[in-house]
PDB file of N, CA and C in Angstrom:
ATOM      1  N   UNK A   1     -19.319 141.396 -44.519  1.00  0.00           N
ATOM      2  CA  UNK A   1     -18.695 142.666 -44.847  1.00  0.00           C
ATOM      3  C   UNK A   1     -19.183 143.768 -44.025  1.00  0.00           C
ATOM      4  N   UNK A   2     -18.248 144.685 -43.547  1.00  0.00           N
ATOM      5  CA  UNK A   2     -18.580 145.538 -42.635  1.00  0.00           C
ATOM      6  C   UNK A   2     -19.279 146.799 -43.353  1.00  0.00           C
ATOM      7  N   UNK A   3     -20.377 147.173 -42.678  1.00  0.00           N
ATOM      8  CA  UNK A   3     -21.148 148.181 -43.283  1.00  0.00           C
ATOM      9  C   UNK A   3     -20.385 149.592 -43.143  1.00  0.00           C
ATOM     10  N   UNK A   4     -20.382 150.292 -44.204  1.00  0.00           N
ATOM     11  CA  UNK A   4     -19.700 151.623 -44.199  1.00  0.00           C
ATOM     12  C   UNK A   4     -20.015 152.525 -43.099  1.00  0.00           C
ATOM     13  N   UNK A   5     -21.180 152.631 -42.544  1.00  0.00           N
ATOM     14  CA  UNK A   5     -21.550 153.446 -41.438  1.00  0.00           C
ATOM     15  C   UNK A   5     -20.955 152.884 -40.163  1.00  0.00           C
ATOM     16  N   UNK A   6     -20.886 151.591 -40.065  1.00  0.00           N
ATOM     17  CA  UNK A   6     -20.278 150.982 -38.944  1.00  0.00           C
ATOM     18  C   UNK A   6     -18.837 151.225 -38.995  1.00  0.00           C
ATOM     19  N   UNK A   7     -18.137 151.091 -39.986  1.00  0.00           N
ATOM     20  CA  UNK A   7     -16.740 151.280 -40.182  1.00  0.00           C
ATOM     21  C   UNK A   7     -16.490 152.785 -39.833  1.00  0.00           C
ATOM     22  N   UNK A   8     -17.263 153.766 -40.267  1.00  0.00           N
ATOM     23  CA  UNK A   8     -17.085 155.197 -39.880  1.00  0.00           C
ATOM     24  C   UNK A   8     -17.318 155.381 -38.520  1.00  0.00           C
ATOM     25  N   UNK A   9     -18.282 154.666 -37.772  1.00  0.00           N
ATOM     26  CA  UNK A   9     -18.531 154.931 -36.341  1.00  0.00           C
ATOM     27  C   UNK A   9     -17.336 154.417 -35.579  1.00  0.00           C
ATOM     28  N   UNK A  10     -16.708 153.184 -36.033  1.00  0.00           N
ATOM     29  CA  UNK A  10     -15.594 152.624 -35.331  1.00  0.00           C
ATOM     30  C   UNK A  10     -14.312 153.556 -35.502  1.00  0.00           C
ATOM     31  N   UNK A  11     -14.167 154.151 -36.623  1.00  0.00           N
ATOM     32  CA  UNK A  11     -13.059 154.980 -36.801  1.00  0.00           C
ATOM     33  C   UNK A  11     -13.164 156.311 -35.928  1.00  0.00           C
ATOM     34  N   UNK A  12     -14.501 156.867 -35.890  1.00  0.00           N
ATOM     35  CA  UNK A  12     -14.611 158.046 -35.049  1.00  0.00           C
ATOM     36  C   UNK A  12     -14.499 157.636 -33.594  1.00  0.00           C
ATOM     37  N   UNK A  13     -14.854 156.424 -33.186  1.00  0.00           N
ATOM     38  CA  UNK A  13     -14.711 156.104 -31.717  1.00  0.00           C
ATOM     39  C   UNK A  13     -13.208 155.964 -31.328  1.00  0.00           C
ATOM     40  N   UNK A  14     -12.439 155.533 -32.289  1.00  0.00           N
ATOM     41  CA  UNK A  14     -10.987 155.331 -32.018  1.00  0.00           C
ATOM     42  C   UNK A  14     -10.317 156.765 -31.749  1.00  0.00           C
ATOM     43  N   UNK A  15     -10.885 157.750 -32.579  1.00  0.00           N
ATOM     44  CA  UNK A  15     -10.352 159.066 -32.416  1.00  0.00           C
ATOM     45  C   UNK A  15     -10.730 159.717 -31.064  1.00  0.00           C
ATOM     46  N   UNK A  16     -11.854 159.363 -30.429  1.00  0.00           N
ATOM     47  CA  UNK A  16     -12.335 159.896 -29.339  1.00  0.00           C
ATOM     48  C   UNK A  16     -11.752 159.260 -27.979  1.00  0.00           C
ATOM     49  N   UNK A  17     -11.051 158.152 -28.137  1.00  0.00           N
ATOM     50  CA  UNK A  17     -10.337 157.585 -26.925  1.00  0.00           C
ATOM     51  C   UNK A  17      -9.463 158.582 -26.222  1.00  0.00           C
ATOM     52  N   UNK A  18      -9.360 158.553 -24.999  1.00  0.00           N
ATOM     53  CA  UNK A  18      -8.544 159.450 -24.266  1.00  0.00           C
ATOM     54  C   UNK A  18      -7.233 158.675 -23.982  1.00  0.00           C
ATOM     55  N   UNK A  19      -6.370 158.906 -25.064  1.00  0.00           N
ATOM     56  CA  UNK A  19      -5.101 158.081 -25.049  1.00  0.00           C
ATOM     57  C   UNK A  19      -4.351 158.412 -23.874  1.00  0.00           C
ATOM     58  N   UNK A  20      -4.331 159.727 -23.345  1.00  0.00           N
ATOM     59  CA  UNK A  20      -3.598 160.147 -22.242  1.00  0.00           C
ATOM     60  C   UNK A  20      -4.007 159.322 -20.931  1.00  0.00           C
ATOM     61  N   UNK A  21      -5.283 159.037 -20.905  1.00  0.00           N
ATOM     62  CA  UNK A  21      -5.687 158.284 -19.728  1.00  0.00           C
ATOM     63  C   UNK A  21      -5.321 156.879 -19.764  1.00  0.00           C
ATOM     64  N   UNK A  22      -5.286 156.267 -21.039  1.00  0.00           N
ATOM     65  CA  UNK A  22      -4.785 154.860 -21.184  1.00  0.00           C
ATOM     66  C   UNK A  22      -3.333 154.834 -20.923  1.00  0.00           C
ATOM     67  N   UNK A  23      -2.478 155.837 -21.390  1.00  0.00           N
ATOM     68  CA  UNK A  23      -1.036 155.858 -21.023  1.00  0.00           C
ATOM     69  C   UNK A  23      -0.909 156.016 -19.661  1.00  0.00           C
ATOM     70  N   UNK A  24      -1.663 156.759 -18.864  1.00  0.00           N
ATOM     71  CA  UNK A  24      -1.389 156.935 -17.537  1.00  0.00           C
ATOM     72  C   UNK A  24      -1.699 155.671 -16.695  1.00  0.00           C
ATOM     73  N   UNK A  25      -2.739 155.038 -17.071  1.00  0.00           N
ATOM     74  CA  UNK A  25      -3.025 153.631 -16.434  1.00  0.00           C
ATOM     75  C   UNK A  25      -1.971 152.583 -16.639  1.00  0.00           C
ATOM     76  N   UNK A  26      -1.490 152.751 -17.968  1.00  0.00           N
ATOM     77  CA  UNK A  26      -0.316 151.759 -18.311  1.00  0.00           C
ATOM     78  C   UNK A  26       0.944 152.065 -17.493  1.00  0.00           C
ATOM     79  N   UNK A  27       1.270 153.292 -17.255  1.00  0.00           N
ATOM     80  CA  UNK A  27       2.363 153.784 -16.413  1.00  0.00           C
ATOM     81  C   UNK A  27       2.190 153.297 -14.990  1.00  0.00           C
ATOM     82  N   UNK A  28       0.989 153.538 -14.448  1.00  0.00           N
ATOM     83  CA  UNK A  28       0.762 153.290 -13.019  1.00  0.00           C
ATOM     84  C   UNK A  28       0.783 151.795 -12.923  1.00  0.00           C
ATOM     85  N   UNK A  29       0.203 151.074 -13.751  1.00  0.00           N
ATOM     86  CA  UNK A  29       0.136 149.528 -13.602  1.00  0.00           C
ATOM     87  C   UNK A  29       1.515 148.931 -13.901  1.00  0.00           C
ATOM     88  N   UNK A  30       2.130 149.265 -14.944  1.00  0.00           N
ATOM     89  CA  UNK A  30       3.438 148.729 -15.351  1.00  0.00           C
ATOM     90  C   UNK A  30       4.473 148.984 -14.375  1.00  0.00           C
ATOM     91  N   UNK A  31       4.644 150.241 -13.811  1.00  0.00           N
ATOM     92  CA  UNK A  31       5.682 150.467 -12.877  1.00  0.00           C
ATOM     93  C   UNK A  31       5.274 150.186 -11.453  1.00  0.00           C
ATOM     94  N   UNK A  32       4.049 150.651 -11.048  1.00  0.00           N
ATOM     95  CA  UNK A  32       3.698 150.631  -9.639  1.00  0.00           C
ATOM     96  C   UNK A  32       3.159 149.222  -9.179  1.00  0.00           C
ATOM     97  N   UNK A  33       2.483 148.548 -10.247  1.00  0.00           N
ATOM     98  CA  UNK A  33       1.950 147.214  -9.715  1.00  0.00           C
ATOM     99  C   UNK A  33       2.672 146.055 -10.251  1.00  0.00           C
ATOM    100  N   UNK A  34       3.370 146.196 -11.373  1.00  0.00           N
ATOM    101  CA  UNK A  34       4.024 145.005 -12.019  1.00  0.00           C
ATOM    102  C   UNK A  34       5.548 145.134 -11.874  1.00  0.00           C
ATOM    103  N   UNK A  35       6.083 146.238 -11.531  1.00  0.00           N
ATOM    104  CA  UNK A  35       7.502 146.481 -11.303  1.00  0.00           C
ATOM    105  C   UNK A  35       8.318 146.647 -12.563  1.00  0.00           C
ATOM    106  N   UNK A  36       7.690 146.955 -13.570  1.00  0.00           N
ATOM    107  CA  UNK A  36       8.462 147.179 -14.869  1.00  0.00           C
ATOM    108  C   UNK A  36       9.330 148.348 -14.724  1.00  0.00           C
ATOM    109  N   UNK A  37      10.314 148.342 -15.419  1.00  0.00           N
ATOM    110  CA  UNK A  37      11.315 149.494 -15.372  1.00  0.00           C
ATOM    111  C   UNK A  37      10.678 150.680 -16.172  1.00  0.00           C
ATOM    112  N   UNK A  38      10.895 151.956 -15.686  1.00  0.00           N
ATOM    113  CA  UNK A  38      10.301 152.931 -16.373  1.00  0.00           C
ATOM    114  C   UNK A  38      10.757 153.121 -17.890  1.00  0.00           C
ATOM    115  N   UNK A  39      11.950 152.756 -18.239  1.00  0.00           N
ATOM    116  CA  UNK A  39      12.361 152.780 -19.646  1.00  0.00           C
ATOM    117  C   UNK A  39      11.548 151.725 -20.470  1.00  0.00           C
ATOM    118  N   UNK A  40      11.275 150.588 -19.977  1.00  0.00           N
ATOM    119  CA  UNK A  40      10.475 149.622 -20.603  1.00  0.00           C
ATOM    120  C   UNK A  40       9.154 150.066 -20.916  1.00  0.00           C
ATOM    121  N   UNK A  41       8.546 150.668 -19.883  1.00  0.00           N
ATOM    122  CA  UNK A  41       7.075 151.181 -20.023  1.00  0.00           C
ATOM    123  C   UNK A  41       7.052 152.321 -21.095  1.00  0.00           C
ATOM    124  N   UNK A  42       8.172 153.203 -21.026  1.00  0.00           N
ATOM    125  CA  UNK A  42       8.088 154.356 -22.028  1.00  0.00           C
ATOM    126  C   UNK A  42       8.324 153.802 -23.347  1.00  0.00           C
ATOM    127  N   UNK A  43       9.185 152.695 -23.661  1.00  0.00           N
ATOM    128  CA  UNK A  43       9.487 152.168 -24.935  1.00  0.00           C
ATOM    129  C   UNK A  43       8.135 151.444 -25.340  1.00  0.00           C
ATOM    130  N   UNK A  44       7.464 150.778 -24.504  1.00  0.00           N
ATOM    131  CA  UNK A  44       6.225 150.093 -24.995  1.00  0.00           C
ATOM    132  C   UNK A  44       5.239 151.095 -25.521  1.00  0.00           C
ATOM    133  N   UNK A  45       5.018 152.217 -24.654  1.00  0.00           N
ATOM    134  CA  UNK A  45       4.100 153.255 -25.072  1.00  0.00           C
ATOM    135  C   UNK A  45       4.475 153.920 -26.348  1.00  0.00           C
ATOM    136  N   UNK A  46       5.787 154.218 -26.416  1.00  0.00           N
ATOM    137  CA  UNK A  46       6.291 154.881 -27.726  1.00  0.00           C
ATOM    138  C   UNK A  46       5.971 154.111 -28.961  1.00  0.00           C
ATOM    139  N   UNK A  47       6.015 152.712 -28.772  1.00  0.00           N
ATOM    140  CA  UNK A  47       5.896 151.810 -29.911  1.00  0.00           C
ATOM    141  C   UNK A  47       4.395 151.548 -30.143  1.00  0.00           C
ATOM    142  N   UNK A  48       3.514 151.717 -29.199  1.00  0.00           N
ATOM    143  CA  UNK A  48       2.150 151.280 -29.316  1.00  0.00           C
ATOM    144  C   UNK A  48       0.985 152.142 -29.163  1.00  0.00           C
ATOM    145  N   UNK A  49       1.289 153.352 -28.590  1.00  0.00           N
ATOM    146  CA  UNK A  49       0.219 154.300 -28.355  1.00  0.00           C
ATOM    147  C   UNK A  49       0.096 155.246 -29.512  1.00  0.00           C
ATOM    148  N   UNK A  50      -1.183 155.302 -29.965  1.00  0.00           N
ATOM    149  CA  UNK A  50      -1.414 156.377 -31.002  1.00  0.00           C
ATOM    150  C   UNK A  50      -1.454 157.754 -30.413  1.00  0.00           C
ATOM    151  N   UNK A  51      -1.463 157.869 -29.133  1.00  0.00           N
ATOM    152  CA  UNK A  51      -1.430 159.121 -28.437  1.00  0.00           C
ATOM    153  C   UNK A  51      -0.100 159.643 -28.228  1.00  0.00           C
ATOM    154  N   UNK A  52       0.953 159.043 -28.741  1.00  0.00           N
ATOM    155  CA  UNK A  52       2.346 159.459 -28.633  1.00  0.00           C
ATOM    156  C   UNK A  52       3.075 159.371 -29.828  1.00  0.00           C
ATOM    157  N   UNK A  53       2.493 160.026 -30.911  1.00  0.00           N
ATOM    158  CA  UNK A  53       3.085 160.064 -32.263  1.00  0.00           C
ATOM    159  C   UNK A  53       4.025 161.041 -32.459  1.00  0.00           C
ATOM    160  N   UNK A  54       3.650 162.324 -32.151  1.00  0.00           N
ATOM    161  CA  UNK A  54       4.396 163.490 -32.443  1.00  0.00           C
ATOM    162  C   UNK A  54       5.601 163.608 -31.413  1.00  0.00           C
ATOM    163  N   UNK A  55       6.553 164.386 -31.703  1.00  0.00           N
ATOM    164  CA  UNK A  55       7.695 164.592 -30.818  1.00  0.00           C
ATOM    165  C   UNK A  55       7.164 165.322 -29.489  1.00  0.00           C
ATOM    166  N   UNK A  56       6.229 166.212 -29.642  1.00  0.00           N
ATOM    167  CA  UNK A  56       5.691 166.905 -28.411  1.00  0.00           C
ATOM    168  C   UNK A  56       4.981 165.951 -27.611  1.00  0.00           C
ATOM    169  N   UNK A  57       4.148 165.009 -28.069  1.00  0.00           N
ATOM    170  CA  UNK A  57       3.523 164.129 -27.229  1.00  0.00           C
ATOM    171  C   UNK A  57       4.540 163.083 -26.567  1.00  0.00           C
ATOM    172  N   UNK A  58       5.602 162.725 -27.320  1.00  0.00           N
ATOM    173  CA  UNK A  58       6.531 161.772 -26.786  1.00  0.00           C
ATOM    174  C   UNK A  58       7.232 162.520 -25.560  1.00  0.00           C
ATOM    175  N   UNK A  59       7.575 163.859 -25.717  1.00  0.00           N
ATOM    176  CA  UNK A  59       8.208 164.565 -24.668  1.00  0.00           C
ATOM    177  C   UNK A  59       7.370 164.628 -23.444  1.00  0.00           C
ATOM    178  N   UNK A  60       6.010 164.871 -23.686  1.00  0.00           N
ATOM    179  CA  UNK A  60       5.110 164.918 -22.528  1.00  0.00           C
ATOM    180  C   UNK A  60       5.067 163.534 -21.883  1.00  0.00           C
ATOM    181  N   UNK A  61       5.065 162.474 -22.548  1.00  0.00           N
ATOM    182  CA  UNK A  61       5.105 161.212 -22.111  1.00  0.00           C
ATOM    183  C   UNK A  61       6.256 160.803 -21.215  1.00  0.00           C
ATOM    184  N   UNK A  62       7.429 161.279 -21.735  1.00  0.00           N
ATOM    185  CA  UNK A  62       8.750 160.991 -21.079  1.00  0.00           C
ATOM    186  C   UNK A  62       8.795 161.842 -19.759  1.00  0.00           C
ATOM    187  N   UNK A  63       8.212 163.082 -19.805  1.00  0.00           N
ATOM    188  CA  UNK A  63       8.213 163.910 -18.574  1.00  0.00           C
ATOM    189  C   UNK A  63       7.314 163.245 -17.436  1.00  0.00           C
ATOM    190  N   UNK A  64       6.107 162.780 -17.922  1.00  0.00           N
ATOM    191  CA  UNK A  64       5.237 162.109 -17.056  1.00  0.00           C
ATOM    192  C   UNK A  64       5.767 160.916 -16.307  1.00  0.00           C
ATOM    193  N   UNK A  65       6.441 160.127 -17.134  1.00  0.00           N
ATOM    194  CA  UNK A  65       7.113 158.846 -16.536  1.00  0.00           C
ATOM    195  C   UNK A  65       8.228 159.329 -15.631  1.00  0.00           C
ATOM    196  N   UNK A  66       9.059 160.176 -16.029  1.00  0.00           N
ATOM    197  CA  UNK A  66      10.052 160.805 -15.164  1.00  0.00           C
ATOM    198  C   UNK A  66       9.561 161.279 -13.888  1.00  0.00           C
ATOM    199  N   UNK A  67       8.575 161.945 -13.914  1.00  0.00           N
ATOM    200  CA  UNK A  67       7.924 162.565 -12.571  1.00  0.00           C
ATOM    201  C   UNK A  67       7.384 161.447 -11.675  1.00  0.00           C
ATOM    202  N   UNK A  68       6.817 160.489 -12.373  1.00  0.00           N
ATOM    203  CA  UNK A  68       6.120 159.399 -11.515  1.00  0.00           C
ATOM    204  C   UNK A  68       6.988 158.247 -11.163  1.00  0.00           C
ATOM    205  N   UNK A  69       7.991 157.998 -11.808  1.00  0.00           N
ATOM    206  CA  UNK A  69       8.882 156.795 -11.797  1.00  0.00           C
ATOM    207  C   UNK A  69       9.155 156.430 -10.235  1.00  0.00           C
ATOM    208  N   UNK A  70       9.865 157.353  -9.628  1.00  0.00           N
ATOM    209  CA  UNK A  70      10.439 157.065  -8.272  1.00  0.00           C
ATOM    210  C   UNK A  70       9.321 156.714  -7.296  1.00  0.00           C
ATOM    211  N   UNK A  71       8.273 157.508  -7.361  1.00  0.00           N
ATOM    212  CA  UNK A  71       7.139 157.243  -6.467  1.00  0.00           C
ATOM    213  C   UNK A  71       6.536 155.802  -6.731  1.00  0.00           C
ATOM    214  N   UNK A  72       6.409 155.444  -7.998  1.00  0.00           N
ATOM    215  CA  UNK A  72       5.771 154.177  -8.376  1.00  0.00           C
ATOM    216  C   UNK A  72       6.779 153.111  -8.006  1.00  0.00           C
ATOM    217  N   UNK A  73       8.020 153.233  -8.289  1.00  0.00           N
ATOM    218  CA  UNK A  73       9.062 152.209  -7.984  1.00  0.00           C
ATOM    219  C   UNK A  73       9.068 151.890  -6.368  1.00  0.00           C
ATOM    220  N   UNK A  74       8.933 153.009  -5.632  1.00  0.00           N
ATOM    221  CA  UNK A  74       8.775 152.945  -4.179  1.00  0.00           C
ATOM    222  C   UNK A  74       7.553 152.223  -3.714  1.00  0.00           C
ATOM    223  N   UNK A  75       6.394 152.477  -4.438  1.00  0.00           N
ATOM    224  CA  UNK A  75       5.194 151.719  -4.085  1.00  0.00           C
ATOM    225  C   UNK A  75       5.301 150.304  -4.460  1.00  0.00           C
ATOM    226  N   UNK A  76       5.918 150.024  -5.573  1.00  0.00           N
ATOM    227  CA  UNK A  76       6.078 148.518  -5.749  1.00  0.00           C
ATOM    228  C   UNK A  76       7.022 147.846  -4.844  1.00  0.00           C
ATOM    229  N   UNK A  77       8.044 148.579  -4.414  1.00  0.00           N
ATOM    230  CA  UNK A  77       8.998 147.866  -3.414  1.00  0.00           C
ATOM    231  C   UNK A  77       8.298 147.655  -2.113  1.00  0.00           C
ATOM    232  N   UNK A  78       7.507 148.675  -1.663  1.00  0.00           N
ATOM    233  CA  UNK A  78       6.614 148.471  -0.506  1.00  0.00           C
ATOM    234  C   UNK A  78       5.644 147.321  -0.579  1.00  0.00           C
ATOM    235  N   UNK A  79       4.902 147.218  -1.604  1.00  0.00           N
ATOM    236  CA  UNK A  79       3.988 146.176  -1.773  1.00  0.00           C
ATOM    237  C   UNK A  79       4.721 144.870  -1.888  1.00  0.00           C
ATOM    238  N   UNK A  80       5.788 144.693  -2.493  1.00  0.00           N
ATOM    239  CA  UNK A  80       6.667 143.448  -2.725  1.00  0.00           C
ATOM    240  C   UNK A  80       7.176 143.082  -1.363  1.00  0.00           C
ATOM    241  N   UNK A  81       7.551 144.082  -0.479  1.00  0.00           N
ATOM    242  CA  UNK A  81       8.212 143.538   0.728  1.00  0.00           C
ATOM    243  C   UNK A  81       7.022 143.174   1.760  1.00  0.00           C
ATOM    244  N   UNK A  82       5.826 143.746   1.596  1.00  0.00           N
ATOM    245  CA  UNK A  82       4.710 143.378   2.308  1.00  0.00           C
ATOM    246  C   UNK A  82       4.181 142.038   1.971  1.00  0.00           C
ATOM    247  N   UNK A  83       4.116 141.696   0.723  1.00  0.00           N
ATOM    248  CA  UNK A  83       3.462 140.589   0.236  1.00  0.00           C
ATOM    249  C   UNK A  83       4.431 139.402   0.044  1.00  0.00           C
ATOM    250  N   UNK A  84       5.710 139.732  -0.231  1.00  0.00           N
ATOM    251  CA  UNK A  84       6.645 138.734  -0.484  1.00  0.00           C
ATOM    252  C   UNK A  84       6.912 138.548  -1.921  1.00  0.00           C
ATOM    253  N   UNK A  85       8.093 138.028  -2.234  1.00  0.00           N
ATOM    254  CA  UNK A  85       8.526 137.887  -3.627  1.00  0.00           C
ATOM    255  C   UNK A  85       7.636 136.993  -4.557  1.00  0.00           C
ATOM    256  N   UNK A  86       7.049 136.059  -3.844  1.00  0.00           N
ATOM    257  CA  UNK A  86       6.324 134.899  -4.649  1.00  0.00           C
ATOM    258  C   UNK A  86       4.939 135.603  -5.305  1.00  0.00           C
ATOM    259  N   UNK A  87       4.572 136.764  -4.874  1.00  0.00           N
ATOM    260  CA  UNK A  87       3.405 137.422  -5.409  1.00  0.00           C
ATOM    261  C   UNK A  87       3.726 138.235  -6.762  1.00  0.00           C
ATOM    262  N   UNK A  88       4.923 138.402  -6.964  1.00  0.00           N
ATOM    263  CA  UNK A  88       5.380 139.283  -8.158  1.00  0.00           C
ATOM    264  C   UNK A  88       6.225 138.446  -9.106  1.00  0.00           C
ATOM    265  N   UNK A  89       5.918 138.779 -10.425  1.00  0.00           N
ATOM    266  CA  UNK A  89       6.788 138.178 -11.411  1.00  0.00           C
ATOM    267  C   UNK A  89       7.013 139.266 -12.560  1.00  0.00           C
ATOM    268  N   UNK A  90       7.762 140.239 -12.274  1.00  0.00           N
ATOM    269  CA  UNK A  90       8.013 141.404 -13.214  1.00  0.00           C
ATOM    270  C   UNK A  90       8.709 140.869 -14.484  1.00  0.00           C
TER     271      UNK A  90
END
């Protein structure tokens, strides 16, 4: 059985996570390293990130992906052309 103090500590730790940093890394990796489509990354984050619950948070996330997408897609294309198709399985 989970001790009440431990449960409280875990709950507080979850609240202190920097979800914007986790979302940023997900965007950078999903689009820039794995070649995922920006819309797919956005949908994943909207469905799974506790940091994107409100309409305002969702708008910020959409804007961030929109601003980064073309740069990250170009990065992925450059890396893919340098390493060859066999290295990537988006």
